PDB file of N, CA and C in Angstrom:
ATOM      1  N   MET A   1      46.701  47.860  -5.470  1.00  0.00           N
ATOM      2  CA  MET A   1      46.524  46.749  -6.415  1.00  0.00           C
ATOM      3  C   MET A   1      47.006  45.572  -5.882  1.00  0.00           C
ATOM      4  N   PHE A   2      46.576  44.338  -6.375  1.00  0.00           N
ATOM      5  CA  PHE A   2      46.911  43.176  -5.794  1.00  0.00           C
ATOM      6  C   PHE A   2      48.292  42.676  -6.210  1.00  0.00           C
ATOM      7  N   ARG A   3      49.151  42.063  -5.314  1.00  0.00           N
ATOM      8  CA  ARG A   3      49.978  41.232  -5.802  1.00  0.00           C
ATOM      9  C   ARG A   3      49.786  39.816  -5.675  1.00  0.00           C
ATOM     10  N   PHE A   4      49.877  39.088  -6.903  1.00  0.00           N
ATOM     11  CA  PHE A   4      49.510  37.502  -7.055  1.00  0.00           C
ATOM     12  C   PHE A   4      50.666  36.966  -6.687  1.00  0.00           C
ATOM     13  N   ASP A   5      51.278  36.990  -5.593  1.00  0.00           N
ATOM     14  CA  ASP A   5      52.718  36.024  -5.345  1.00  0.00           C
ATOM     15  C   ASP A   5      52.078  35.001  -4.085  1.00  0.00           C
ATOM     16  N   SER A   6      53.040  34.347  -3.833  1.00  0.00           N
ATOM     17  CA  SER A   6      52.767  33.442  -2.890  1.00  0.00           C
ATOM     18  C   SER A   6      52.291  33.838  -1.420  1.00  0.00           C
ATOM     19  N   GLY A   7      52.446  35.219  -1.219  1.00  0.00           N
ATOM     20  CA  GLY A   7      51.990  35.597   0.165  1.00  0.00           C
ATOM     21  C   GLY A   7      50.516  35.837   0.154  1.00  0.00           C
ATOM     22  N   LEU A   8      49.786  35.918  -1.056  1.00  0.00           N
ATOM     23  CA  LEU A   8      48.307  36.229  -1.014  1.00  0.00           C
ATOM     24  C   LEU A   8      47.635  35.197  -0.630  1.00  0.00           C
ATOM     25  N   LYS A   9      46.693  35.453   0.186  1.00  0.00           N
ATOM     26  CA  LYS A   9      45.593  34.253   0.518  1.00  0.00           C
ATOM     27  C   LYS A   9      44.460  34.585  -0.046  1.00  0.00           C
ATOM     28  N   VAL A  10      43.762  33.436  -0.609  1.00  0.00           N
ATOM     29  CA  VAL A  10      42.649  33.325  -1.133  1.00  0.00           C
ATOM     30  C   VAL A  10      41.562  32.421  -0.496  1.00  0.00           C
ATOM     31  N   PHE A  11      40.311  32.996  -0.108  1.00  0.00           N
ATOM     32  CA  PHE A  11      39.444  32.305   0.763  1.00  0.00           C
ATOM     33  C   PHE A  11      38.200  31.856  -0.160  1.00  0.00           C
ATOM     34  N   LEU A  12      37.591  30.711  -0.039  1.00  0.00           N
ATOM     35  CA  LEU A  12      36.372  30.438  -1.045  1.00  0.00           C
ATOM     36  C   LEU A  12      35.335  30.425   0.162  1.00  0.00           C
ATOM     37  N   HIS A  13      34.262  31.157  -0.245  1.00  0.00           N
ATOM     38  CA  HIS A  13      32.925  30.899   0.443  1.00  0.00           C
ATOM     39  C   HIS A  13      32.243  29.819  -0.052  1.00  0.00           C
ATOM     40  N   ARG A  14      31.857  28.486   0.594  1.00  0.00           N
ATOM     41  CA  ARG A  14      31.463  27.408   0.130  1.00  0.00           C
ATOM     42  C   ARG A  14      30.007  27.462  -0.364  1.00  0.00           C
ATOM     43  N   GLU A  15      29.072  28.300   0.225  1.00  0.00           N
ATOM     44  CA  GLU A  15      27.639  28.216   0.145  1.00  0.00           C
ATOM     45  C   GLU A  15      27.405  29.180  -1.160  1.00  0.00           C
ATOM     46  N   PRO A  16      26.229  28.777  -1.831  1.00  0.00           N
ATOM     47  CA  PRO A  16      26.244  30.013  -3.007  1.00  0.00           C
ATOM     48  C   PRO A  16      25.622  31.295  -2.422  1.00  0.00           C
ATOM     49  N   VAL A  17      25.919  32.390  -3.135  1.00  0.00           N
ATOM     50  CA  VAL A  17      25.359  33.653  -2.494  1.00  0.00           C
ATOM     51  C   VAL A  17      24.503  34.314  -3.604  1.00  0.00           C
ATOM     52  N   ASP A  18      23.559  35.055  -3.184  1.00  0.00           N
ATOM     53  CA  ASP A  18      22.533  35.868  -4.147  1.00  0.00           C
ATOM     54  C   ASP A  18      23.612  36.884  -4.658  1.00  0.00           C
ATOM     55  N   PHE A  19      23.516  37.010  -6.040  1.00  0.00           N
ATOM     56  CA  PHE A  19      24.341  37.733  -7.097  1.00  0.00           C
ATOM     57  C   PHE A  19      24.040  39.135  -6.921  1.00  0.00           C
ATOM     58  N   ARG A  20      22.843  39.511  -6.513  1.00  0.00           N
ATOM     59  CA  ARG A  20      22.601  40.993  -6.463  1.00  0.00           C
ATOM     60  C   ARG A  20      23.319  41.544  -5.298  1.00  0.00           C
ATOM     61  N   MET A  21      23.993  40.656  -4.448  1.00  0.00           N
ATOM     62  CA  MET A  21      24.549  41.442  -3.378  1.00  0.00           C
ATOM     63  C   MET A  21      26.078  42.026  -4.007  1.00  0.00           C
ATOM     64  N   GLY A  22      26.356  43.217  -3.342  1.00  0.00           N
ATOM     65  CA  GLY A  22      27.356  43.745  -3.811  1.00  0.00           C
ATOM     66  C   GLY A  22      28.482  43.887  -2.827  1.00  0.00           C
ATOM     67  N   ILE A  23      29.381  44.791  -2.556  1.00  0.00           N
ATOM     68  CA  ILE A  23      30.578  45.021  -2.021  1.00  0.00           C
ATOM     69  C   ILE A  23      30.269  44.829  -0.349  1.00  0.00           C
ATOM     70  N   ASN A  24      29.114  45.678   0.216  1.00  0.00           N
ATOM     71  CA  ASN A  24      28.819  45.823   1.362  1.00  0.00           C
ATOM     72  C   ASN A  24      28.340  44.276   2.002  1.00  0.00           C
ATOM     73  N   GLY A  25      27.363  43.642   1.178  1.00  0.00           N
ATOM     74  CA  GLY A  25      26.964  42.594   1.614  1.00  0.00           C
ATOM     75  C   GLY A  25      27.903  41.378   1.650  1.00  0.00           C
ATOM     76  N   LEU A  26      28.866  41.397   0.766  1.00  0.00           N
ATOM     77  CA  LEU A  26      29.727  40.378   0.564  1.00  0.00           C
ATOM     78  C   LEU A  26      30.761  40.657   1.628  1.00  0.00           C
ATOM     79  N   SER A  27      31.116  41.755   2.039  1.00  0.00           N
ATOM     80  CA  SER A  27      32.067  41.833   3.174  1.00  0.00           C
ATOM     81  C   SER A  27      31.545  41.592   4.506  1.00  0.00           C
ATOM     82  N   ILE A  28      30.183  41.637   4.579  1.00  0.00           N
ATOM     83  CA  ILE A  28      29.466  41.453   5.856  1.00  0.00           C
ATOM     84  C   ILE A  28      29.295  39.882   5.888  1.00  0.00           C
ATOM     85  N   LEU A  29      29.352  39.080   4.845  1.00  0.00           N
ATOM     86  CA  LEU A  29      29.460  37.603   4.773  1.00  0.00           C
ATOM     87  C   LEU A  29      30.765  37.230   5.101  1.00  0.00           C
ATOM     88  N   VAL A  30      31.768  38.028   4.826  1.00  0.00           N
ATOM     89  CA  VAL A  30      33.116  37.528   5.150  1.00  0.00           C
ATOM     90  C   VAL A  30      33.564  37.656   6.619  1.00  0.00           C
ATOM     91  N   GLU A  31      32.873  38.670   7.237  1.00  0.00           N
ATOM     92  CA  GLU A  31      32.827  39.021   8.634  1.00  0.00           C
ATOM     93  C   GLU A  31      32.209  38.131   9.508  1.00  0.00           C
ATOM     94  N   GLN A  32      30.842  37.970   9.197  1.00  0.00           N
ATOM     95  CA  GLN A  32      30.087  36.949   9.899  1.00  0.00           C
ATOM     96  C   GLN A  32      29.832  35.484   9.516  1.00  0.00           C
ATOM     97  N   ALA A  33      29.874  35.329   8.538  1.00  0.00           N
ATOM     98  CA  ALA A  33      29.789  33.738   8.060  1.00  0.00           C
ATOM     99  C   ALA A  33      30.955  33.101   8.042  1.00  0.00           C
ATOM    100  N   MET A  34      32.106  33.775   7.568  1.00  0.00           N
ATOM    101  CA  MET A  34      33.537  33.146   7.518  1.00  0.00           C
ATOM    102  C   MET A  34      34.490  33.545   8.512  1.00  0.00           C
ATOM    103  N   LEU A  35      33.958  34.553   9.472  1.00  0.00           N
ATOM    104  CA  LEU A  35      34.689  35.117  10.669  1.00  0.00           C
ATOM    105  C   LEU A  35      36.271  35.415  10.258  1.00  0.00           C
ATOM    106  N   LEU A  36      36.177  36.008   9.226  1.00  0.00           N
ATOM    107  CA  LEU A  36      37.397  36.557   8.906  1.00  0.00           C
ATOM    108  C   LEU A  36      37.343  38.163   8.457  1.00  0.00           C
ATOM    109  N   ASN A  37      38.540  38.935   8.483  1.00  0.00           N
ATOM    110  CA  ASN A  37      38.503  40.169   8.236  1.00  0.00           C
ATOM    111  C   ASN A  37      38.496  40.667   6.749  1.00  0.00           C
ATOM    112  N   PRO A  38      37.467  41.380   6.370  1.00  0.00           N
ATOM    113  CA  PRO A  38      37.546  41.837   4.866  1.00  0.00           C
ATOM    114  C   PRO A  38      38.436  42.817   4.652  1.00  0.00           C
ATOM    115  N   PHE A  39      38.981  43.463   5.632  1.00  0.00           N
ATOM    116  CA  PHE A  39      39.996  44.393   5.353  1.00  0.00           C
ATOM    117  C   PHE A  39      41.550  44.078   5.370  1.00  0.00           C
ATOM    118  N   ASP A  40      41.867  42.732   5.468  1.00  0.00           N
ATOM    119  CA  ASP A  40      43.005  42.266   5.356  1.00  0.00           C
ATOM    120  C   ASP A  40      43.381  42.115   3.728  1.00  0.00           C
ATOM    121  N   HIS A  41      44.530  42.087   3.532  1.00  0.00           N
ATOM    122  CA  HIS A  41      44.949  41.960   1.998  1.00  0.00           C
ATOM    123  C   HIS A  41      44.898  40.496   1.519  1.00  0.00           C
ATOM    124  N   SER A  42      43.506  40.013   1.530  1.00  0.00           N
ATOM    125  CA  SER A  42      43.174  38.715   0.897  1.00  0.00           C
ATOM    126  C   SER A  42      42.021  38.997   0.068  1.00  0.00           C
ATOM    127  N   LEU A  43      41.855  37.658  -0.879  1.00  0.00           N
ATOM    128  CA  LEU A  43      40.939  37.750  -1.883  1.00  0.00           C
ATOM    129  C   LEU A  43      39.703  36.448  -1.202  1.00  0.00           C
ATOM    130  N   TYR A  44      38.552  37.220  -1.317  1.00  0.00           N
ATOM    131  CA  TYR A  44      37.289  36.001  -0.919  1.00  0.00           C
ATOM    132  C   TYR A  44      36.543  35.950  -2.323  1.00  0.00           C
ATOM    133  N   VAL A  45      36.231  34.400  -2.362  1.00  0.00           N
ATOM    134  CA  VAL A  45      35.633  34.185  -3.827  1.00  0.00           C
ATOM    135  C   VAL A  45      34.420  33.545  -3.095  1.00  0.00           C
ATOM    136  N   PHE A  46      33.208  34.123  -4.072  1.00  0.00           N
ATOM    137  CA  PHE A  46      31.868  33.741  -3.992  1.00  0.00           C
ATOM    138  C   PHE A  46      31.412  33.056  -5.039  1.00  0.00           C
ATOM    139  N   GLY A  47      30.262  32.241  -5.152  1.00  0.00           N
ATOM    140  CA  GLY A  47      29.772  31.593  -6.334  1.00  0.00           C
ATOM    141  C   GLY A  47      28.304  31.717  -6.221  1.00  0.00           C
ATOM    142  N   ASN A  48      27.707  31.681  -7.219  1.00  0.00           N
ATOM    143  CA  ASN A  48      26.113  31.390  -7.498  1.00  0.00           C
ATOM    144  C   ASN A  48      25.790  30.169  -7.426  1.00  0.00           C
ATOM    145  N   ARG A  49      24.480  29.729  -7.447  1.00  0.00           N
ATOM    146  CA  ARG A  49      23.712  28.529  -7.309  1.00  0.00           C
ATOM    147  C   ARG A  49      24.202  27.728  -8.345  1.00  0.00           C
ATOM    148  N   ARG A  50      24.110  28.322  -9.690  1.00  0.00           N
ATOM    149  CA  ARG A  50      24.265  27.327 -10.890  1.00  0.00           C
ATOM    150  C   ARG A  50      25.899  27.257 -11.137  1.00  0.00           C
ATOM    151  N   CYS A  51      26.781  27.632 -10.382  1.00  0.00           N
ATOM    152  CA  CYS A  51      28.181  27.545 -10.447  1.00  0.00           C
ATOM    153  C   CYS A  51      28.722  28.072 -11.867  1.00  0.00           C
ATOM    154  N   ASP A  52      27.995  28.917 -12.522  1.00  0.00           N
ATOM    155  CA  ASP A  52      28.564  29.494 -13.781  1.00  0.00           C
ATOM    156  C   ASP A  52      29.125  31.062 -13.247  1.00  0.00           C
ATOM    157  N   ARG A  53      29.083  31.675 -12.529  1.00  0.00           N
ATOM    158  CA  ARG A  53      29.591  32.852 -11.970  1.00  0.00           C
ATOM    159  C   ARG A  53      30.403  32.868 -10.471  1.00  0.00           C
ATOM    160  N   ILE A  54      31.437  33.715 -10.634  1.00  0.00           N
ATOM    161  CA  ILE A  54      32.099  33.963  -9.326  1.00  0.00           C
ATOM    162  C   ILE A  54      32.283  35.519  -9.191  1.00  0.00           C
ATOM    163  N   LYS A  55      32.293  36.019  -7.913  1.00  0.00           N
ATOM    164  CA  LYS A  55      32.756  37.252  -7.547  1.00  0.00           C
ATOM    165  C   LYS A  55      33.844  37.094  -6.395  1.00  0.00           C
ATOM    166  N   ILE A  56      34.834  38.028  -6.672  1.00  0.00           N
ATOM    167  CA  ILE A  56      35.912  37.923  -5.862  1.00  0.00           C
ATOM    168  C   ILE A  56      36.138  39.251  -5.195  1.00  0.00           C
ATOM    169  N   LEU A  57      36.075  39.341  -4.036  1.00  0.00           N
ATOM    170  CA  LEU A  57      35.981  40.618  -3.312  1.00  0.00           C
ATOM    171  C   LEU A  57      37.661  40.748  -2.582  1.00  0.00           C
ATOM    172  N   GLY A  58      38.110  41.901  -2.750  1.00  0.00           N
ATOM    173  CA  GLY A  58      39.513  42.132  -2.060  1.00  0.00           C
ATOM    174  C   GLY A  58      39.474  43.655  -1.761  1.00  0.00           C
ATOM    175  N   TRP A  59      40.404  43.816  -0.571  1.00  0.00           N
ATOM    176  CA  TRP A  59      40.679  45.027  -0.302  1.00  0.00           C
ATOM    177  C   TRP A  59      42.157  45.420  -0.445  1.00  0.00           C
ATOM    178  N   ASP A  60      42.339  46.680  -1.020  1.00  0.00           N
ATOM    179  CA  ASP A  60      43.809  47.048  -1.607  1.00  0.00           C
ATOM    180  C   ASP A  60      44.569  48.029  -0.479  1.00  0.00           C
ATOM    181  N   GLY A  61      43.987  48.419   0.415  1.00  0.00           N
ATOM    182  CA  GLY A  61      44.346  49.451   1.479  1.00  0.00           C
ATOM    183  C   GLY A  61      43.695  50.641   1.215  1.00  0.00           C
ATOM    184  N   ALA A  62      43.155  50.918   0.042  1.00  0.00           N
ATOM    185  CA  ALA A  62      42.463  52.290  -0.217  1.00  0.00           C
ATOM    186  C   ALA A  62      40.850  52.103  -0.760  1.00  0.00           C
ATOM    187  N   GLY A  63      40.460  50.971  -0.827  1.00  0.00           N
ATOM    188  CA  GLY A  63      39.183  50.631  -1.117  1.00  0.00           C
ATOM    189  C   GLY A  63      39.005  49.364  -1.597  1.00  0.00           C
ATOM    190  N   PHE A  64      37.796  48.730  -1.661  1.00  0.00           N
ATOM    191  CA  PHE A  64      37.382  47.225  -2.138  1.00  0.00           C
ATOM    192  C   PHE A  64      37.557  47.159  -3.731  1.00  0.00           C
ATOM    193  N   TRP A  65      37.731  45.955  -4.022  1.00  0.00           N
ATOM    194  CA  TRP A  65      37.728  45.629  -5.463  1.00  0.00           C
ATOM    195  C   TRP A  65      36.602  44.683  -5.449  1.00  0.00           C
ATOM    196  N   LEU A  66      35.841  44.510  -6.811  1.00  0.00           N
ATOM    197  CA  LEU A  66      34.950  43.453  -6.777  1.00  0.00           C
ATOM    198  C   LEU A  66      35.027  43.067  -8.129  1.00  0.00           C
ATOM    199  N   PHE A  67      35.471  41.689  -8.292  1.00  0.00           N
ATOM    200  CA  PHE A  67      35.709  41.138  -9.615  1.00  0.00           C
ATOM    201  C   PHE A  67      34.592  40.231 -10.118  1.00  0.00           C
ATOM    202  N   LEU A  68      33.976  39.993 -11.087  1.00  0.00           N
ATOM    203  CA  LEU A  68      32.846  39.353 -11.639  1.00  0.00           C
ATOM    204  C   LEU A  68      33.491  38.404 -12.854  1.00  0.00           C
ATOM    205  N   LYS A  69      33.361  37.014 -12.891  1.00  0.00           N
ATOM    206  CA  LYS A  69      33.815  36.384 -14.076  1.00  0.00           C
ATOM    207  C   LYS A  69      32.214  35.330 -14.287  1.00  0.00           C
ATOM    208  N   ARG A  70      32.098  35.276 -15.380  1.00  0.00           N
ATOM    209  CA  ARG A  70      30.659  34.580 -15.931  1.00  0.00           C
ATOM    210  C   ARG A  70      31.157  33.604 -17.152  1.00  0.00           C
ATOM    211  N   LEU A  71      30.818  32.523 -16.978  1.00  0.00           N
ATOM    212  CA  LEU A  71      31.167  31.371 -17.853  1.00  0.00           C
ATOM    213  C   LEU A  71      30.076  31.293 -18.815  1.00  0.00           C
ATOM    214  N   GLU A  72      30.081  31.059 -20.258  1.00  0.00           N
ATOM    215  CA  GLU A  72      29.322  31.044 -21.177  1.00  0.00           C
ATOM    216  C   GLU A  72      29.008  29.274 -21.372  1.00  0.00           C
ATOM    217  N   ALA A  73      27.868  29.256 -22.027  1.00  0.00           N
ATOM    218  CA  ALA A  73      27.189  28.050 -22.487  1.00  0.00           C
ATOM    219  C   ALA A  73      27.158  27.067 -21.313  1.00  0.00           C
ATOM    220  N   GLU A  74      27.644  25.772 -21.288  1.00  0.00           N
ATOM    221  CA  GLU A  74      27.581  24.928 -20.217  1.00  0.00           C
ATOM    222  C   GLU A  74      28.730  24.758 -19.413  1.00  0.00           C
ATOM    223  N   ASP A  75      29.447  25.687 -19.359  1.00  0.00           N
ATOM    224  CA  ASP A  75      30.758  25.408 -18.519  1.00  0.00           C
ATOM    225  C   ASP A  75      30.100  25.861 -17.032  1.00  0.00           C
ATOM    226  N   ARG A  76      30.979  25.166 -16.011  1.00  0.00           N
ATOM    227  CA  ARG A  76      30.657  25.465 -14.950  1.00  0.00           C
ATOM    228  C   ARG A  76      32.085  25.494 -13.887  1.00  0.00           C
ATOM    229  N   PHE A  77      32.009  26.193 -12.654  1.00  0.00           N
ATOM    230  CA  PHE A  77      33.074  25.997 -11.948  1.00  0.00           C
ATOM    231  C   PHE A  77      32.775  24.802 -10.952  1.00  0.00           C
ATOM    232  N   VAL A  78      33.992  24.125 -10.674  1.00  0.00           N
ATOM    233  CA  VAL A  78      33.889  23.098  -9.862  1.00  0.00           C
ATOM    234  C   VAL A  78      34.083  23.688  -8.340  1.00  0.00           C
ATOM    235  N   TRP A  79      33.043  23.242  -7.469  1.00  0.00           N
ATOM    236  CA  TRP A  79      33.132  23.848  -6.045  1.00  0.00           C
ATOM    237  C   TRP A  79      33.343  22.614  -5.165  1.00  0.00           C
ATOM    238  N   PRO A  80      34.072  22.757  -4.090  1.00  0.00           N
ATOM    239  CA  PRO A  80      34.651  21.610  -3.387  1.00  0.00           C
ATOM    240  C   PRO A  80      33.306  21.384  -2.278  1.00  0.00           C
ATOM    241  N   ASP A  81      33.407  19.893  -1.934  1.00  0.00           N
ATOM    242  CA  ASP A  81      32.283  19.378  -0.994  1.00  0.00           C
ATOM    243  C   ASP A  81      32.614  19.773   0.596  1.00  0.00           C
ATOM    244  N   THR A  82      33.464  20.104   1.122  1.00  0.00           N
ATOM    245  CA  THR A  82      34.004  20.244   2.122  1.00  0.00           C
ATOM    246  C   THR A  82      32.966  21.355   2.677  1.00  0.00           C
ATOM    247  N   THR A  83      32.867  21.310   3.994  1.00  0.00           N
ATOM    248  CA  THR A  83      31.993  22.213   4.802  1.00  0.00           C
ATOM    249  C   THR A  83      32.900  23.183   5.573  1.00  0.00           C
ATOM    250  N   ASP A  84      33.934  23.132   5.580  1.00  0.00           N
ATOM    251  CA  ASP A  84      35.080  24.145   6.010  1.00  0.00           C
ATOM    252  C   ASP A  84      35.297  25.296   5.130  1.00  0.00           C
ATOM    253  N   ILE A  85      35.874  26.263   5.579  1.00  0.00           N
ATOM    254  CA  ILE A  85      36.223  27.601   4.508  1.00  0.00           C
ATOM    255  C   ILE A  85      37.556  26.819   3.889  1.00  0.00           C
ATOM    256  N   VAL A  86      37.596  27.100   2.354  1.00  0.00           N
ATOM    257  CA  VAL A  86      38.701  26.435   1.827  1.00  0.00           C
ATOM    258  C   VAL A  86      39.732  27.779   1.655  1.00  0.00           C
ATOM    259  N   THR A  87      40.896  27.500   1.882  1.00  0.00           N
ATOM    260  CA  THR A  87      42.017  28.400   1.553  1.00  0.00           C
ATOM    261  C   THR A  87      42.715  27.846   0.238  1.00  0.00           C
ATOM    262  N   LEU A  88      42.710  28.699  -0.549  1.00  0.00           N
ATOM    263  CA  LEU A  88      43.409  28.471  -1.886  1.00  0.00           C
ATOM    264  C   LEU A  88      44.879  29.158  -2.007  1.00  0.00           C
ATOM    265  N   THR A  89      45.622  28.847  -2.956  1.00  0.00           N
ATOM    266  CA  THR A  89      46.961  29.503  -3.182  1.00  0.00           C
ATOM    267  C   THR A  89      46.861  29.793  -4.292  1.00  0.00           C
ATOM    268  N   VAL A  90      47.801  30.649  -4.759  1.00  0.00           N
ATOM    269  CA  VAL A  90      48.074  31.370  -6.134  1.00  0.00           C
ATOM    270  C   VAL A  90      49.310  30.690  -6.810  1.00  0.00           C
ATOM    271  N   ASP A  91      49.781  29.722  -6.246  1.00  0.00           N
ATOM    272  CA  ASP A  91      50.929  28.831  -6.915  1.00  0.00           C
ATOM    273  C   ASP A  91      50.121  27.943  -7.973  1.00  0.00           C
TER     274      ASP A  91
END
């Protein structure tokens, strides 16, 4: 299980991803596009093109978790404009 404390790292993949992609495809993106280790105790956030869904990938030491959040109606997630990998905090 994840501990949402100040030590948890959260990384945002800025480019939209195909939401048919599952755990294997997203973990490859973490490794190859973000140049990070999908097996460390961090969370990786991915969004779709319309910015109305996110997937969060995380490793808990025994297996991967894949969370999905879908916004309804006209709500959208606000995505940063920077080209760098964005690191978020849980504070």
